[in-house]
């Protein structure tokens, strides 16, 4: 998925479209019965952190860790 996002970002670089990638952690939801899973991030915390990040100019975000993806080598 990350490679696809990078490809889309490159293809759309000269347009007004901005491609934002958010890589969520394991989140407590009804999906896969993880709502009570203590190792998963609470849904409310995930939503709050995601909304905070959406207010920045970051393009690649790992929600739950506060880190961005490592810089990818650029080809010409």
PDB file of N, CA and C in Angstrom:
ATOM      1  N   UNK A   1       0.823  -1.184   0.000  1.00  0.00           N
ATOM      2  CA  UNK A   1       0.000   0.000   0.000  1.00  0.00           C
ATOM      3  C   UNK A   1       0.876   1.259   0.000  1.00  0.00           C
ATOM      4  N   UNK A   2       1.951   1.225   0.776  1.00  0.00           N
ATOM      5  CA  UNK A   2       2.821   2.397   0.852  1.00  0.00           C
ATOM      6  C   UNK A   2       3.404   2.726  -0.525  1.00  0.00           C
ATOM      7  N   UNK A   3       3.810   1.709  -1.245  1.00  0.00           N
ATOM      8  CA  UNK A   3       4.363   1.914  -2.586  1.00  0.00           C
ATOM      9  C   UNK A   3       3.319   2.530  -3.515  1.00  0.00           C
ATOM     10  N   UNK A   4       2.085   2.079  -3.410  1.00  0.00           N
ATOM     11  CA  UNK A   4       0.998   2.632  -4.226  1.00  0.00           C
ATOM     12  C   UNK A   4       0.799   4.120  -3.908  1.00  0.00           C
ATOM     13  N   UNK A   5       0.806   4.453  -2.633  1.00  0.00           N
ATOM     14  CA  UNK A   5       0.640   5.855  -2.228  1.00  0.00           C
ATOM     15  C   UNK A   5       1.784   6.707  -2.784  1.00  0.00           C
ATOM     16  N   UNK A   6       3.011   6.193  -2.703  1.00  0.00           N
ATOM     17  CA  UNK A   6       4.150   6.929  -3.258  1.00  0.00           C
ATOM     18  C   UNK A   6       3.982   7.137  -4.756  1.00  0.00           C
ATOM     19  N   UNK A   7       3.500   6.119  -5.451  1.00  0.00           N
ATOM     20  CA  UNK A   7       3.277   6.231  -6.892  1.00  0.00           C
ATOM     21  C   UNK A   7       2.216   7.280  -7.203  1.00  0.00           C
ATOM     22  N   UNK A   8       1.125   7.264  -6.444  1.00  0.00           N
ATOM     23  CA  UNK A   8       0.066   8.251  -6.664  1.00  0.00           C
ATOM     24  C   UNK A   8       0.562   9.665  -6.360  1.00  0.00           C
ATOM     25  N   UNK A   9       1.330   9.805  -5.310  1.00  0.00           N
ATOM     26  CA  UNK A   9       1.880  11.120  -4.962  1.00  0.00           C
ATOM     27  C   UNK A   9       2.765  11.637  -6.097  1.00  0.00           C
ATOM     28  N   UNK A  10       3.579  10.744  -6.660  1.00  0.00           N
ATOM     29  CA  UNK A  10       4.464  11.139  -7.766  1.00  0.00           C
ATOM     30  C   UNK A  10       3.648  11.515  -8.998  1.00  0.00           C
ATOM     31  N   UNK A  11       2.654  10.694  -9.348  1.00  0.00           N
ATOM     32  CA  UNK A  11       1.841  10.965 -10.537  1.00  0.00           C
ATOM     33  C   UNK A  11       1.082  12.285 -10.412  1.00  0.00           C
ATOM     34  N   UNK A  12       0.707  12.652  -9.210  1.00  0.00           N
ATOM     35  CA  UNK A  12      -0.131  13.832  -8.990  1.00  0.00           C
ATOM     36  C   UNK A  12       0.649  15.044  -8.497  1.00  0.00           C
ATOM     37  N   UNK A  13       1.985  14.965  -8.547  1.00  0.00           N
ATOM     38  CA  UNK A  13       2.810  16.032  -7.968  1.00  0.00           C
ATOM     39  C   UNK A  13       2.602  17.402  -8.624  1.00  0.00           C
ATOM     40  N   UNK A  14       2.239  17.439  -9.882  1.00  0.00           N
ATOM     41  CA  UNK A  14       2.049  18.718 -10.578  1.00  0.00           C
ATOM     42  C   UNK A  14       0.583  19.122 -10.656  1.00  0.00           C
ATOM     43  N   UNK A  15      -0.226  18.574  -9.772  1.00  0.00           N
ATOM     44  CA  UNK A  15      -1.648  18.918  -9.723  1.00  0.00           C
ATOM     45  C   UNK A  15      -1.956  19.535  -8.365  1.00  0.00           C
ATOM     46  N   UNK A  16      -3.197  19.882  -8.164  1.00  0.00           N
ATOM     47  CA  UNK A  16      -3.611  20.440  -6.874  1.00  0.00           C
ATOM     48  C   UNK A  16      -3.993  19.343  -5.877  1.00  0.00           C
ATOM     49  N   UNK A  17      -3.857  18.084  -6.276  1.00  0.00           N
ATOM     50  CA  UNK A  17      -4.216  16.956  -5.407  1.00  0.00           C
ATOM     51  C   UNK A  17      -3.058  16.637  -4.464  1.00  0.00           C
ATOM     52  N   UNK A  18      -3.365  16.481  -3.202  1.00  0.00           N
ATOM     53  CA  UNK A  18      -2.377  16.102  -2.201  1.00  0.00           C
ATOM     54  C   UNK A  18      -2.727  14.705  -1.698  1.00  0.00           C
ATOM     55  N   UNK A  19      -1.752  13.807  -1.684  1.00  0.00           N
ATOM     56  CA  UNK A  19      -1.979  12.427  -1.246  1.00  0.00           C
ATOM     57  C   UNK A  19      -1.442  12.266   0.167  1.00  0.00           C
ATOM     58  N   UNK A  20      -2.325  11.972   1.091  1.00  0.00           N
ATOM     59  CA  UNK A  20      -1.980  11.801   2.493  1.00  0.00           C
ATOM     60  C   UNK A  20      -2.091  10.329   2.847  1.00  0.00           C
ATOM     61  N   UNK A  21      -1.080   9.798   3.510  1.00  0.00           N
ATOM     62  CA  UNK A  21      -1.093   8.399   3.933  1.00  0.00           C
ATOM     63  C   UNK A  21      -1.091   8.329   5.450  1.00  0.00           C
ATOM     64  N   UNK A  22      -2.067   7.636   5.993  1.00  0.00           N
ATOM     65  CA  UNK A  22      -2.129   7.402   7.428  1.00  0.00           C
ATOM     66  C   UNK A  22      -2.086   5.900   7.636  1.00  0.00           C
ATOM     67  N   UNK A  23      -1.086   5.437   8.364  1.00  0.00           N
ATOM     68  CA  UNK A  23      -0.945   4.014   8.667  1.00  0.00           C
ATOM     69  C   UNK A  23      -1.403   3.791  10.104  1.00  0.00           C
ATOM     70  N   UNK A  24      -2.616   3.289  10.278  1.00  0.00           N
ATOM     71  CA  UNK A  24      -3.139   3.119  11.632  1.00  0.00           C
ATOM     72  C   UNK A  24      -2.527   1.925  12.343  1.00  0.00           C
ATOM     73  N   UNK A  25      -2.471   1.995  13.661  1.00  0.00           N
ATOM     74  CA  UNK A  25      -2.051   0.832  14.441  1.00  0.00           C
ATOM     75  C   UNK A  25      -3.242  -0.114  14.588  1.00  0.00           C
ATOM     76  N   UNK A  26      -3.076  -1.141  15.338  1.00  0.00           N
ATOM     77  CA  UNK A  26      -4.187  -2.014  15.699  1.00  0.00           C
ATOM     78  C   UNK A  26      -5.093  -1.186  16.611  1.00  0.00           C
ATOM     79  N   UNK A  27      -6.359  -1.048  16.238  1.00  0.00           N
ATOM     80  CA  UNK A  27      -7.287  -0.187  16.967  1.00  0.00           C
ATOM     81  C   UNK A  27      -8.415  -1.035  17.551  1.00  0.00           C
ATOM     82  N   UNK A  28      -8.828  -0.687  18.760  1.00  0.00           N
ATOM     83  CA  UNK A  28      -9.933  -1.391  19.418  1.00  0.00           C
ATOM     84  C   UNK A  28     -11.243  -1.061  18.709  1.00  0.00           C
ATOM     85  N   UNK A  29     -11.739  -2.031  17.933  1.00  0.00           N
ATOM     86  CA  UNK A  29     -13.015  -1.873  17.219  1.00  0.00           C
ATOM     87  C   UNK A  29     -13.749  -3.208  17.263  1.00  0.00           C
ATOM     88  N   UNK A  30     -14.930  -3.228  16.699  1.00  0.00           N
ATOM     89  CA  UNK A  30     -15.684  -4.475  16.596  1.00  0.00           C
ATOM     90  C   UNK A  30     -15.087  -5.389  15.529  1.00  0.00           C
ATOM     91  N   UNK A  31     -14.277  -4.832  14.660  1.00  0.00           N
ATOM     92  CA  UNK A  31     -13.633  -5.616  13.620  1.00  0.00           C
ATOM     93  C   UNK A  31     -12.694  -6.639  14.255  1.00  0.00           C
ATOM     94  N   UNK A  32     -12.842  -7.875  13.910  1.00  0.00           N
ATOM     95  CA  UNK A  32     -12.010  -8.975  14.421  1.00  0.00           C
ATOM     96  C   UNK A  32     -12.082  -9.111  15.948  1.00  0.00           C
ATOM     97  N   UNK A  33     -13.192  -8.677  16.523  1.00  0.00           N
ATOM     98  CA  UNK A  33     -13.411  -8.811  17.976  1.00  0.00           C
ATOM     99  C   UNK A  33     -12.277  -8.217  18.812  1.00  0.00           C
ATOM    100  N   UNK A  34     -11.790  -7.055  18.420  1.00  0.00           N
ATOM    101  CA  UNK A  34     -10.676  -6.447  19.149  1.00  0.00           C
ATOM    102  C   UNK A  34     -11.106  -5.273  20.044  1.00  0.00           C
ATOM    103  N   UNK A  35     -12.402  -5.129  20.254  1.00  0.00           N
ATOM    104  CA  UNK A  35     -12.903  -3.985  21.022  1.00  0.00           C
ATOM    105  C   UNK A  35     -12.353  -3.943  22.451  1.00  0.00           C
ATOM    106  N   UNK A  36     -12.109  -5.083  23.051  1.00  0.00           N
ATOM    107  CA  UNK A  36     -11.604  -5.142  24.423  1.00  0.00           C
ATOM    108  C   UNK A  36     -10.130  -5.562  24.477  1.00  0.00           C
ATOM    109  N   UNK A  37      -9.461  -5.606  23.350  1.00  0.00           N
ATOM    110  CA  UNK A  37      -8.066  -6.061  23.293  1.00  0.00           C
ATOM    111  C   UNK A  37      -7.153  -4.999  23.897  1.00  0.00           C
ATOM    112  N   UNK A  38      -6.466  -5.293  25.013  1.00  0.00           N
ATOM    113  CA  UNK A  38      -5.629  -4.289  25.684  1.00  0.00           C
ATOM    114  C   UNK A  38      -4.390  -3.884  24.885  1.00  0.00           C
ATOM    115  N   UNK A  39      -3.952  -4.714  23.950  1.00  0.00           N
ATOM    116  CA  UNK A  39      -2.766  -4.372  23.157  1.00  0.00           C
ATOM    117  C   UNK A  39      -3.095  -3.414  22.013  1.00  0.00           C
ATOM    118  N   UNK A  40      -4.383  -3.272  21.707  1.00  0.00           N
ATOM    119  CA  UNK A  40      -4.803  -2.379  20.624  1.00  0.00           C
ATOM    120  C   UNK A  40      -5.018  -0.966  21.151  1.00  0.00           C
ATOM    121  N   UNK A  41      -4.849   0.022  20.277  1.00  0.00           N
ATOM    122  CA  UNK A  41      -5.038   1.425  20.645  1.00  0.00           C
ATOM    123  C   UNK A  41      -6.538   1.705  20.804  1.00  0.00           C
ATOM    124  N   UNK A  42      -6.930   2.396  21.864  1.00  0.00           N
ATOM    125  CA  UNK A  42      -8.341   2.758  22.022  1.00  0.00           C
ATOM    126  C   UNK A  42      -8.823   3.612  20.842  1.00  0.00           C
ATOM    127  N   UNK A  43     -10.026   3.328  20.368  1.00  0.00           N
ATOM    128  CA  UNK A  43     -10.572   4.021  19.203  1.00  0.00           C
ATOM    129  C   UNK A  43     -10.611   5.533  19.401  1.00  0.00           C
ATOM    130  N   UNK A  44     -11.052   5.991  20.568  1.00  0.00           N
ATOM    131  CA  UNK A  44     -11.140   7.436  20.828  1.00  0.00           C
ATOM    132  C   UNK A  44      -9.772   8.094  20.706  1.00  0.00           C
ATOM    133  N   UNK A  45      -8.749   7.446  21.256  1.00  0.00           N
ATOM    134  CA  UNK A  45      -7.382   7.974  21.178  1.00  0.00           C
ATOM    135  C   UNK A  45      -6.900   8.022  19.722  1.00  0.00           C
ATOM    136  N   UNK A  46      -7.210   6.971  18.974  1.00  0.00           N
ATOM    137  CA  UNK A  46      -6.834   6.933  17.557  1.00  0.00           C
ATOM    138  C   UNK A  46      -7.483   8.081  16.790  1.00  0.00           C
ATOM    139  N   UNK A  47      -8.774   8.289  16.993  1.00  0.00           N
ATOM    140  CA  UNK A  47      -9.494   9.357  16.287  1.00  0.00           C
ATOM    141  C   UNK A  47      -8.929  10.723  16.665  1.00  0.00           C
ATOM    142  N   UNK A  48      -8.690  10.957  17.943  1.00  0.00           N
ATOM    143  CA  UNK A  48      -8.154  12.250  18.385  1.00  0.00           C
ATOM    144  C   UNK A  48      -6.786  12.519  17.773  1.00  0.00           C
ATOM    145  N   UNK A  49      -5.918  11.514  17.794  1.00  0.00           N
ATOM    146  CA  UNK A  49      -4.577  11.696  17.243  1.00  0.00           C
ATOM    147  C   UNK A  49      -4.624  11.897  15.722  1.00  0.00           C
ATOM    148  N   UNK A  50      -5.489  11.148  15.061  1.00  0.00           N
ATOM    149  CA  UNK A  50      -5.620  11.287  13.611  1.00  0.00           C
ATOM    150  C   UNK A  50      -6.119  12.679  13.240  1.00  0.00           C
ATOM    151  N   UNK A  51      -7.112  13.166  13.942  1.00  0.00           N
ATOM    152  CA  UNK A  51      -7.647  14.500  13.647  1.00  0.00           C
ATOM    153  C   UNK A  51      -6.600  15.580  13.889  1.00  0.00           C
ATOM    154  N   UNK A  52      -5.776  15.406  14.911  1.00  0.00           N
ATOM    155  CA  UNK A  52      -4.706  16.366  15.190  1.00  0.00           C
ATOM    156  C   UNK A  52      -3.702  16.388  14.031  1.00  0.00           C
ATOM    157  N   UNK A  53      -3.346  15.220  13.531  1.00  0.00           N
ATOM    158  CA  UNK A  53      -2.380  15.106  12.437  1.00  0.00           C
ATOM    159  C   UNK A  53      -2.947  15.686  11.141  1.00  0.00           C
ATOM    160  N   UNK A  54      -4.232  15.504  10.922  1.00  0.00           N
ATOM    161  CA  UNK A  54      -4.851  16.028   9.702  1.00  0.00           C
ATOM    162  C   UNK A  54      -4.776  17.551   9.636  1.00  0.00           C
ATOM    163  N   UNK A  55      -4.557  18.196  10.761  1.00  0.00           N
ATOM    164  CA  UNK A  55      -4.424  19.648  10.793  1.00  0.00           C
ATOM    165  C   UNK A  55      -3.022  20.138  10.470  1.00  0.00           C
ATOM    166  N   UNK A  56      -2.114  19.238  10.122  1.00  0.00           N
ATOM    167  CA  UNK A  56      -0.741  19.612   9.792  1.00  0.00           C
ATOM    168  C   UNK A  56      -0.505  19.433   8.305  1.00  0.00           C
ATOM    169  N   UNK A  57       0.708  19.729   7.860  1.00  0.00           N
ATOM    170  CA  UNK A  57       1.033  19.530   6.445  1.00  0.00           C
ATOM    171  C   UNK A  57       1.772  18.209   6.206  1.00  0.00           C
ATOM    172  N   UNK A  58       1.774  17.321   7.203  1.00  0.00           N
ATOM    173  CA  UNK A  58       2.434  16.022   7.061  1.00  0.00           C
ATOM    174  C   UNK A  58       1.753  15.203   5.968  1.00  0.00           C
ATOM    175  N   UNK A  59       2.550  14.448   5.225  1.00  0.00           N
ATOM    176  CA  UNK A  59       2.015  13.619   4.153  1.00  0.00           C
ATOM    177  C   UNK A  59       2.027  12.135   4.502  1.00  0.00           C
ATOM    178  N   UNK A  60       2.895  11.732   5.426  1.00  0.00           N
ATOM    179  CA  UNK A  60       3.021  10.329   5.808  1.00  0.00           C
ATOM    180  C   UNK A  60       3.047  10.232   7.332  1.00  0.00           C
ATOM    181  N   UNK A  61       2.038   9.599   7.892  1.00  0.00           N
ATOM    182  CA  UNK A  61       1.890   9.576   9.339  1.00  0.00           C
ATOM    183  C   UNK A  61       1.662   8.160   9.835  1.00  0.00           C
ATOM    184  N   UNK A  62       2.378   7.782  10.867  1.00  0.00           N
ATOM    185  CA  UNK A  62       2.118   6.539  11.583  1.00  0.00           C
ATOM    186  C   UNK A  62       1.369   6.917  12.849  1.00  0.00           C
ATOM    187  N   UNK A  63       0.079   6.785  12.862  1.00  0.00           N
ATOM    188  CA  UNK A  63      -0.727   7.140  14.022  1.00  0.00           C
ATOM    189  C   UNK A  63      -0.413   6.178  15.160  1.00  0.00           C
ATOM    190  N   UNK A  64      -0.258   6.719  16.348  1.00  0.00           N
ATOM    191  CA  UNK A  64       0.007   5.894  17.519  1.00  0.00           C
ATOM    192  C   UNK A  64       1.471   5.865  17.915  1.00  0.00           C
ATOM    193  N   UNK A  65       2.356   6.292  17.014  1.00  0.00           N
ATOM    194  CA  UNK A  65       3.771   6.294  17.354  1.00  0.00           C
ATOM    195  C   UNK A  65       4.361   7.692  17.305  1.00  0.00           C
ATOM    196  N   UNK A  66       3.669   8.620  16.659  1.00  0.00           N
ATOM    197  CA  UNK A  66       4.179   9.978  16.547  1.00  0.00           C
ATOM    198  C   UNK A  66       5.340  10.099  15.585  1.00  0.00           C
ATOM    199  N   UNK A  67       5.562   9.094  14.755  1.00  0.00           N
ATOM    200  CA  UNK A  67       6.675   9.109  13.818  1.00  0.00           C
ATOM    201  C   UNK A  67       6.167   9.176  12.386  1.00  0.00           C
ATOM    202  N   UNK A  68       7.034   9.600  11.506  1.00  0.00           N
ATOM    203  CA  UNK A  68       6.718   9.557  10.087  1.00  0.00           C
ATOM    204  C   UNK A  68       7.482   8.420   9.450  1.00  0.00           C
ATOM    205  N   UNK A  69       7.096   8.055   8.243  1.00  0.00           N
ATOM    206  CA  UNK A  69       7.796   6.999   7.530  1.00  0.00           C
ATOM    207  C   UNK A  69       9.222   7.431   7.243  1.00  0.00           C
ATOM    208  N   UNK A  70      10.147   6.487   7.126  1.00  0.00           N
ATOM    209  CA  UNK A  70      11.517   6.869   6.744  1.00  0.00           C
ATOM    210  C   UNK A  70      11.517   7.460   5.350  1.00  0.00           C
ATOM    211  N   UNK A  71      12.441   8.351   5.103  1.00  0.00           N
ATOM    212  CA  UNK A  71      12.543   8.983   3.784  1.00  0.00           C
ATOM    213  C   UNK A  71      12.843   7.921   2.739  1.00  0.00           C
ATOM    214  N   UNK A  72      12.101   7.971   1.650  1.00  0.00           N
ATOM    215  CA  UNK A  72      12.296   7.032   0.563  1.00  0.00           C
ATOM    216  C   UNK A  72      13.251   7.641  -0.450  1.00  0.00           C
ATOM    217  N   UNK A  73      14.120   6.820  -1.048  1.00  0.00           N
ATOM    218  CA  UNK A  73      15.006   7.353  -2.084  1.00  0.00           C
ATOM    219  C   UNK A  73      14.186   7.842  -3.269  1.00  0.00           C
ATOM    220  N   UNK A  74      14.570   8.945  -3.822  1.00  0.00           N
ATOM    221  CA  UNK A  74      13.843   9.530  -4.960  1.00  0.00           C
ATOM    222  C   UNK A  74      14.591   9.184  -6.253  1.00  0.00           C
ATOM    223  N   UNK A  75      13.825   8.843  -7.263  1.00  0.00           N
ATOM    224  CA  UNK A  75      14.419   8.587  -8.566  1.00  0.00           C
ATOM    225  C   UNK A  75      14.014   9.698  -9.509  1.00  0.00           C
ATOM    226  N   UNK A  76      14.844   9.946 -10.492  1.00  0.00           N
ATOM    227  CA  UNK A  76      14.547  11.023 -11.445  1.00  0.00           C
ATOM    228  C   UNK A  76      13.963  10.462 -12.707  1.00  0.00           C
TER     229      UNK A  76
END
